[in-house]
């Protein structure tokens, strides 16, 4: 509790003077009588024993009134955070070439998509050297022969990672296979292009930047939109595209079905990454191209992007003062009524007692 006019509390110095005055003249009342009997020897009544009560009530009322004049206030602080976040569309290749086993997790060889799911999940949720993107709006687009929006832009990162990202599978049907890089970028641009008003209305935050993180291990072999055209669309919307070329370029061990033995065996198959195209996409959109040849380098790439595109969190403290003289407040779990109300209650009690039970005859 603070006082707006604390110097007025000096008026409390007159209270002892008033109390002395009332003690001197009020407590020593009496009547004239013609007798030689000493009335002090008679037993005292309850009224005479408590004759000080009205004066105590009046004193408390005056003390509280002075406190009211000094303007006691209860200070409440409310801290709010506003985030200028990053809207990120994760665009991940799931074509058959992502089945190449040239990445490792915990010393075990895994396919490229498994490694990407692991590292991308750590990038979103935070793990190891990655802090996570808790203040960002993130969506997911995957592609093979065509692009698909797997998850709309969301702040629910647990759902995005656990239920969506970890359920992505490499295509198995030849009719679905291919690498539609241009279509995937264009779909991601569409998802990012109209977010500002939605984010402002839902969270009160603003979007500092819009980003596409494109990961592929191949060349553009499908779709209706050329990758460079899609990159121009992104640049027109002020969307950066960070491109990642994943895996070895040349030959990589890939599981294939052996028709003679009926088993799945590992054989080296040719894979090609169009690095020039990925560099051009990044250049057009003011992004950056990265090369990931193993799990460690992929983690390092996401860590670099994590540092370049950071959410800015602004903390604002709002202070509210409640005038305790006229408003009730909750303090230590108890509701304190307005002090002026208490003053009036004590004054009314003083007047009623003096005019009834403690009335003094003239």
Protein backbone atom coordinates (compact mmCIF):
# COMPACT_ATOMS: atom_id res chain seq x y z
CA UNK A 1 0.00 0.00 0.00
CA UNK A 2 1.24 3.49 -0.88
CA UNK A 3 -0.04 6.98 -0.03
CA UNK A 4 -0.47 9.63 -2.69
CA UNK A 5 -0.40 12.43 -0.06
CA UNK A 6 1.66 10.80 2.65
CA UNK A 7 2.54 14.12 4.31
CA UNK A 8 -1.09 14.48 5.45
CA UNK A 9 -0.47 11.58 7.83
CA UNK A 10 1.15 14.19 10.07
CA UNK A 11 -2.40 15.07 11.11
CA UNK A 12 -2.32 11.87 13.18
CA UNK A 13 -0.28 13.86 15.71
CA UNK A 14 -3.45 15.61 16.86
CA UNK A 15 -5.11 12.32 17.80
CA UNK A 16 -3.30 11.97 21.18
CA UNK A 17 -4.39 15.54 22.04
CA UNK A 18 -8.01 14.75 21.22
CA UNK A 19 -7.85 11.52 23.21
CA UNK A 20 -6.46 13.36 26.24
CA UNK A 21 -9.24 15.93 25.98
CA UNK A 22 -11.99 13.32 25.81
CA UNK A 23 -10.42 11.26 28.59
CA UNK A 24 -10.27 14.27 30.83
CA UNK A 25 -13.79 15.56 30.36
CA UNK A 26 -15.87 12.64 29.16
CA UNK A 27 -14.76 9.86 31.46
CA UNK A 28 -15.19 11.98 34.62
CA UNK A 29 -18.83 12.88 34.44
CA UNK A 30 -21.13 12.96 37.44
CA UNK A 31 -24.18 14.47 39.13
CA UNK A 32 -24.66 16.60 42.25
CA UNK A 33 -26.16 14.88 45.23
CA UNK A 34 -26.74 15.78 48.94
CA UNK A 35 -25.34 12.93 50.96
CA UNK A 36 -22.21 12.05 52.80
CA UNK A 37 -22.12 8.53 51.36
CA UNK A 38 -19.00 7.72 49.32
CA UNK A 39 -20.43 6.45 46.01
CA UNK A 40 -17.02 5.08 44.96
CA UNK A 41 -17.65 2.27 47.39
CA UNK A 42 -20.69 1.17 45.39
CA UNK A 43 -20.18 -1.56 42.72
CA UNK A 44 -19.46 -0.18 39.22
CA UNK A 45 -22.02 -0.85 36.48
CA UNK A 46 -21.22 -2.12 32.98
CA UNK A 47 -22.04 1.31 31.62
CA UNK A 48 -19.50 3.03 33.84
CA UNK A 49 -16.87 0.40 33.10
CA UNK A 50 -17.23 0.88 29.35
CA UNK A 51 -17.83 4.62 29.23
CA UNK A 52 -14.64 4.94 27.17
CA UNK A 53 -16.05 2.96 24.23
CA UNK A 54 -17.71 5.86 22.27
CA UNK A 55 -14.51 7.88 22.49
CA UNK A 56 -12.48 4.92 21.19
CA UNK A 57 -14.87 4.55 18.25
CA UNK A 58 -14.63 8.26 17.48
CA UNK A 59 -10.82 8.15 17.71
CA UNK A 60 -10.57 5.22 15.31
CA UNK A 61 -12.94 7.01 12.92
CA UNK A 62 -10.77 10.13 12.95
CA UNK A 63 -7.57 8.10 12.42
CA UNK A 64 -9.12 6.32 9.44
CA UNK A 65 -10.46 9.61 8.07
CA UNK A 66 -6.96 11.08 8.12
CA UNK A 67 -5.71 7.95 6.37
CA UNK A 68 -8.39 8.48 3.69
CA UNK A 69 -7.28 12.09 3.19
CA UNK A 70 -3.73 10.80 2.57
CA UNK A 71 -5.14 8.74 -0.36
CA UNK A 72 -4.06 5.13 0.38
CA UNK A 73 -3.68 3.13 -2.80
CA UNK A 74 -3.12 -0.53 -3.59
CA UNK A 75 -0.74 -1.03 -6.54
CA UNK A 76 -1.40 -3.88 -8.94
CA UNK A 77 1.11 -4.82 -11.64
CA UNK A 78 0.25 -6.88 -14.70
CA UNK A 79 3.02 -8.00 -17.02
CA UNK A 80 2.17 -8.89 -20.59
CA UNK A 81 4.39 -10.18 -23.35
CA UNK A 82 3.97 -9.34 -27.01
CA UNK A 83 5.89 -11.35 -29.54
CA UNK A 84 7.01 -10.15 -32.95
CA UNK A 85 7.30 -13.68 -34.24
CA UNK A 86 8.34 -15.49 -37.37
CA UNK A 87 5.86 -17.35 -39.59
CA UNK A 88 7.60 -20.48 -40.87
CA UNK A 89 6.38 -22.89 -43.51
CA UNK A 90 8.32 -26.15 -43.40
CA UNK A 91 8.46 -27.65 -46.90
CA UNK A 92 9.80 -31.23 -46.92
CA UNK A 93 10.47 -33.64 -49.78
CA UNK A 94 9.00 -37.12 -49.35
CA UNK A 95 9.78 -38.54 -52.79
CA UNK A 96 11.25 -42.03 -53.14
CA UNK A 97 14.83 -40.72 -53.23
CA UNK A 98 14.41 -39.71 -49.56
CA UNK A 99 14.62 -43.44 -48.82
CA UNK A 100 18.42 -43.37 -49.27
CA UNK A 101 20.17 -44.45 -46.06
CA UNK A 102 23.06 -41.97 -45.86
CA UNK A 103 22.12 -40.36 -42.51
CA UNK A 104 22.61 -41.78 -39.03
CA UNK A 105 20.82 -41.37 -35.69
CA UNK A 106 22.55 -42.70 -32.57
CA UNK A 107 25.04 -44.57 -34.76
CA UNK A 108 22.36 -46.35 -36.80
CA UNK A 109 21.88 -45.71 -40.52
CA UNK A 110 18.45 -44.23 -41.30
CA UNK A 111 16.71 -42.87 -44.37
CA UNK A 112 16.82 -39.17 -45.11
CA UNK A 113 13.20 -38.51 -44.18
CA UNK A 114 13.63 -40.10 -40.74
CA UNK A 115 16.61 -37.84 -40.05
CA UNK A 116 14.69 -34.80 -41.31
CA UNK A 117 11.69 -35.61 -39.11
CA UNK A 118 13.98 -35.87 -36.09
CA UNK A 119 15.93 -32.66 -36.68
CA UNK A 120 12.94 -30.62 -37.85
CA UNK A 121 11.03 -31.72 -34.76
CA UNK A 122 13.92 -30.58 -32.55
CA UNK A 123 13.98 -27.27 -34.44
CA UNK A 124 10.29 -26.69 -33.75
CA UNK A 125 10.05 -28.02 -30.19
CA UNK A 126 13.60 -27.45 -28.95
CA UNK A 127 16.22 -30.05 -28.17
CA UNK A 128 20.00 -30.06 -27.70
CA UNK A 129 21.48 -26.99 -29.37
CA UNK A 130 18.07 -25.91 -30.70
CA UNK A 131 15.97 -23.63 -28.48
CA UNK A 132 12.63 -24.27 -30.15
CA UNK A 133 10.21 -21.87 -31.80
CA UNK A 134 7.57 -21.42 -29.10
CA UNK A 135 6.54 -17.92 -30.23
CA UNK A 136 6.26 -18.70 -33.92
CA UNK A 137 3.46 -19.70 -36.23
CA UNK A 138 4.52 -22.84 -38.12
CA UNK A 139 2.93 -24.91 -40.88
CA UNK A 140 3.94 -27.97 -42.90
CA UNK A 141 3.88 -28.68 -46.63
CA UNK A 142 5.21 -31.94 -48.08
CA UNK A 143 5.68 -32.88 -51.68
CA UNK A 144 6.58 -35.65 -54.06
CA UNK A 145 4.83 -35.71 -57.44
CA UNK A 146 2.45 -33.08 -56.06
CA UNK A 147 2.42 -30.69 -53.10
CA UNK A 148 0.17 -31.18 -50.09
CA UNK A 149 -0.58 -28.94 -47.09
CA UNK A 150 -0.28 -31.35 -44.17
CA UNK A 151 -0.80 -28.81 -41.37
CA UNK A 152 -2.09 -25.23 -41.50
CA UNK A 153 -0.14 -22.47 -39.78
CA UNK A 154 -0.45 -23.13 -36.04
CA UNK A 155 0.92 -22.27 -32.60
CA UNK A 156 0.14 -25.84 -31.47
CA UNK A 157 3.64 -27.18 -32.04
CA UNK A 158 3.09 -30.36 -30.05
CA UNK A 159 0.33 -31.38 -32.42
CA UNK A 160 2.39 -30.36 -35.44
CA UNK A 161 5.39 -32.47 -34.41
CA UNK A 162 3.73 -35.47 -32.74
CA UNK A 163 0.65 -35.99 -34.89
CA UNK A 164 1.67 -34.56 -38.26
CA UNK A 165 5.43 -34.36 -38.82
CA UNK A 166 6.20 -37.76 -37.31
CA UNK A 167 3.50 -39.42 -39.44
CA UNK A 168 4.93 -38.35 -42.81
CA UNK A 169 5.93 -41.30 -44.96
CA UNK A 170 7.92 -41.66 -48.14
CA UNK A 171 5.69 -42.27 -51.19
CA UNK A 172 5.37 -45.89 -52.26
CA UNK A 173 3.12 -45.56 -55.31
CA UNK A 174 4.94 -44.81 -58.54
CA UNK A 175 2.01 -42.63 -59.66
CA UNK A 176 2.66 -40.31 -56.71
CA UNK A 177 6.43 -40.18 -57.15
CA UNK A 178 8.36 -37.18 -58.45
CA UNK A 179 9.71 -33.91 -57.10
CA UNK A 180 7.36 -30.93 -57.51
CA UNK A 181 9.57 -28.27 -55.94
CA UNK A 182 7.94 -25.31 -57.69
CA UNK A 183 4.40 -26.34 -56.71
CA UNK A 184 5.48 -26.87 -53.08
CA UNK A 185 7.01 -23.39 -52.83
CA UNK A 186 3.93 -21.82 -54.44
CA UNK A 187 1.63 -23.60 -51.97
CA UNK A 188 3.75 -22.43 -49.04
CA UNK A 189 3.65 -18.84 -50.37
CA UNK A 190 -0.15 -19.04 -50.55
CA UNK A 191 -0.34 -20.21 -46.92
CA UNK A 192 1.92 -17.39 -45.73
CA UNK A 193 0.52 -14.54 -47.79
CA UNK A 194 -2.51 -13.61 -45.66
CA UNK A 195 -1.42 -14.15 -42.07
CA UNK A 196 -0.96 -10.64 -40.63
CA UNK A 197 -4.59 -9.87 -39.75
CA UNK A 198 -5.26 -13.39 -38.46
CA UNK A 199 -2.26 -13.41 -36.10
CA UNK A 200 -3.02 -9.89 -34.83
CA UNK A 201 -6.64 -10.77 -34.01
CA UNK A 202 -5.87 -14.15 -32.41
CA UNK A 203 -2.78 -13.42 -30.31
CA UNK A 204 -2.14 -9.67 -30.36
CA UNK A 205 1.28 -10.39 -31.78
CA UNK A 206 2.71 -9.33 -35.11
CA UNK A 207 4.70 -11.18 -37.75
CA UNK A 208 8.26 -9.92 -38.01
CA UNK A 209 9.11 -12.05 -41.03
CA UNK A 210 7.79 -14.88 -43.18
CA UNK A 211 10.06 -17.78 -44.00
CA UNK A 212 9.99 -20.97 -46.04
CA UNK A 213 12.48 -23.72 -45.17
CA UNK A 214 12.66 -25.99 -48.19
CA UNK A 215 14.40 -29.35 -47.88
CA UNK A 216 14.87 -31.61 -50.88
CA UNK A 217 17.35 -34.18 -52.14
CA UNK A 218 16.59 -34.00 -55.85
CA UNK A 219 15.67 -32.09 -58.96
CA UNK A 220 12.40 -30.54 -60.05
CA UNK A 221 10.75 -33.31 -62.08
CA UNK A 222 7.02 -32.71 -61.60
CA UNK A 223 4.39 -30.02 -61.07
CA UNK A 224 3.04 -27.11 -63.08
CA UNK A 225 5.10 -24.23 -61.63
CA UNK A 226 8.79 -23.76 -62.22
CA UNK A 227 10.84 -23.32 -59.03
CA UNK A 228 12.23 -19.95 -60.19
CA UNK A 229 8.69 -18.70 -60.86
CA UNK A 230 7.60 -19.78 -57.40
CA UNK A 231 10.66 -18.03 -55.96
CA UNK A 232 9.60 -14.81 -57.73
CA UNK A 233 6.17 -15.17 -56.10
CA UNK A 234 7.81 -15.51 -52.69
CA UNK A 235 10.04 -12.49 -53.26
CA UNK A 236 7.01 -10.41 -54.29
CA UNK A 237 5.39 -11.30 -50.93
CA UNK A 238 8.60 -10.50 -49.02
CA UNK A 239 9.02 -14.16 -48.05
CA UNK A 240 12.51 -15.58 -47.60
CA UNK A 241 13.25 -19.10 -48.76
CA UNK A 242 16.04 -21.04 -47.06
CA UNK A 243 16.90 -24.06 -49.19
CA UNK A 244 18.57 -27.23 -47.93
CA UNK A 245 20.06 -29.85 -50.23
CA UNK A 246 19.99 -33.09 -48.25
CA UNK A 247 22.08 -36.20 -48.75
CA UNK A 248 25.04 -37.22 -50.86
CA UNK A 249 25.19 -36.18 -54.47
CA UNK A 250 25.96 -39.16 -56.71
CA UNK A 251 25.38 -42.62 -55.27
CA UNK A 252 23.69 -43.53 -51.99
CA UNK A 253 22.68 -46.87 -50.37
CA UNK A 254 18.98 -47.42 -50.90
CA UNK A 255 16.76 -50.37 -49.85
CA UNK A 256 15.35 -52.21 -52.84
CA UNK A 257 13.31 -55.38 -53.25
CA UNK A 258 15.37 -58.30 -54.60
CA UNK A 259 13.10 -60.26 -56.94
CA UNK A 260 15.29 -63.35 -56.71
CA UNK A 261 15.50 -63.67 -52.92
CA UNK A 262 12.28 -61.84 -52.09
CA UNK A 263 14.12 -59.78 -49.48
CA UNK A 264 14.91 -56.10 -49.12
CA UNK A 265 18.58 -55.40 -49.75
CA UNK A 266 20.71 -52.24 -49.77
CA UNK A 267 22.09 -51.18 -53.16
CA UNK A 268 23.79 -48.01 -54.30
CA UNK A 269 21.52 -45.95 -56.50
CA UNK A 270 22.20 -42.70 -58.30
CA UNK A 271 20.79 -39.52 -56.72
CA UNK A 272 21.24 -35.98 -57.97
CA UNK A 273 20.64 -32.64 -56.23
CA UNK A 274 20.09 -29.57 -58.38
CA UNK A 275 22.20 -27.29 -56.21
CA UNK A 276 22.26 -24.49 -58.77
CA UNK A 277 18.47 -24.31 -58.72
CA UNK A 278 18.36 -24.29 -54.90
CA UNK A 279 20.98 -21.53 -54.76
CA UNK A 280 19.00 -19.48 -57.27
CA UNK A 281 15.77 -19.85 -55.26
CA UNK A 282 17.55 -18.67 -52.13
CA UNK A 283 19.19 -15.77 -53.96
CA UNK A 284 15.91 -14.53 -55.51
CA UNK A 285 14.21 -14.43 -52.09
CA UNK A 286 17.16 -13.05 -50.11
CA UNK A 287 17.48 -16.39 -48.33
CA UNK A 288 20.39 -18.78 -48.11
CA UNK A 289 21.34 -22.21 -49.44
CA UNK A 290 22.69 -24.96 -47.17
CA UNK A 291 24.15 -28.38 -47.86
CA UNK A 292 23.41 -31.25 -45.46
CA UNK A 293 25.37 -34.43 -46.01
CA UNK A 294 24.69 -36.04 -42.62
CA UNK A 295 22.61 -35.63 -39.48
CA UNK A 296 25.18 -33.43 -37.74
CA UNK A 297 25.36 -30.97 -40.63
CA UNK A 298 21.55 -30.93 -40.87
CA UNK A 299 21.32 -30.03 -37.16
CA UNK A 300 23.91 -27.29 -37.67
CA UNK A 301 21.90 -25.86 -40.58
CA UNK A 302 18.69 -25.65 -38.56
CA UNK A 303 20.67 -24.08 -35.71
CA UNK A 304 21.95 -21.36 -38.08
CA UNK A 305 18.44 -20.66 -39.37
CA UNK A 306 17.24 -20.65 -35.75
CA UNK A 307 19.70 -17.85 -34.96
CA UNK A 308 18.99 -15.83 -38.10
CA UNK A 309 15.21 -15.83 -37.66
CA UNK A 310 14.56 -15.09 -34.01
CA UNK A 311 11.32 -14.06 -32.35
CA UNK A 312 11.46 -10.68 -30.61
CA UNK A 313 9.56 -10.71 -27.30
CA UNK A 314 8.59 -7.38 -25.78
CA UNK A 315 7.61 -7.33 -22.12
CA UNK A 316 5.29 -4.57 -20.96
CA UNK A 317 4.25 -3.90 -17.37
CA UNK A 318 0.86 -2.32 -16.74
CA UNK A 319 0.34 -0.66 -13.33
CA UNK A 320 -3.11 -0.10 -11.85
CA UNK A 321 -3.78 1.85 -8.64
CA UNK A 322 -6.94 1.27 -6.60
CA UNK A 323 -7.98 4.02 -4.19
CA UNK A 324 -8.61 2.13 -0.93
CA UNK A 325 -10.55 5.05 0.52
CA UNK A 326 -13.47 4.48 -1.84
CA UNK A 327 -12.91 0.98 -3.27
CA UNK A 328 -12.61 -2.44 -1.70
CA UNK A 329 -9.51 -4.51 -2.43
CA UNK A 330 -8.42 -8.10 -1.85
CA UNK A 331 -5.32 -8.26 0.33
CA UNK A 332 -3.72 -11.50 1.57
CA UNK A 333 -6.90 -13.37 0.67
CA UNK A 334 -9.20 -11.00 2.58
CA UNK A 335 -11.55 -8.41 1.07
CA UNK A 336 -10.96 -5.01 2.67
CA UNK A 337 -14.01 -2.72 2.40
CA UNK A 338 -13.59 0.96 1.43
CA UNK A 339 -12.00 2.82 4.35
CA UNK A 340 -14.56 5.66 4.15
CA UNK A 341 -17.31 3.07 4.65
CA UNK A 342 -15.57 1.89 7.84
CA UNK A 343 -15.24 5.53 9.00
CA UNK A 344 -18.97 6.12 8.61
CA UNK A 345 -19.78 2.89 10.46
CA UNK A 346 -17.64 3.92 13.44
CA UNK A 347 -19.10 7.46 13.49
CA UNK A 348 -22.65 6.14 13.33
CA UNK A 349 -21.91 3.71 16.16
CA UNK A 350 -20.41 6.57 18.22
CA UNK A 351 -23.47 8.79 17.72
CA UNK A 352 -25.95 5.99 18.49
CA UNK A 353 -24.13 4.93 21.67
CA UNK A 354 -23.78 8.52 22.94
CA UNK A 355 -27.46 9.23 22.34
CA UNK A 356 -28.74 6.02 23.89
CA UNK A 357 -26.83 3.74 26.28
CA UNK A 358 -24.07 6.24 27.09
CA UNK A 359 -26.23 9.35 27.04
CA UNK A 360 -25.07 12.03 29.48
CA UNK A 361 -27.67 14.20 31.12
CA UNK A 362 -27.10 17.94 31.22
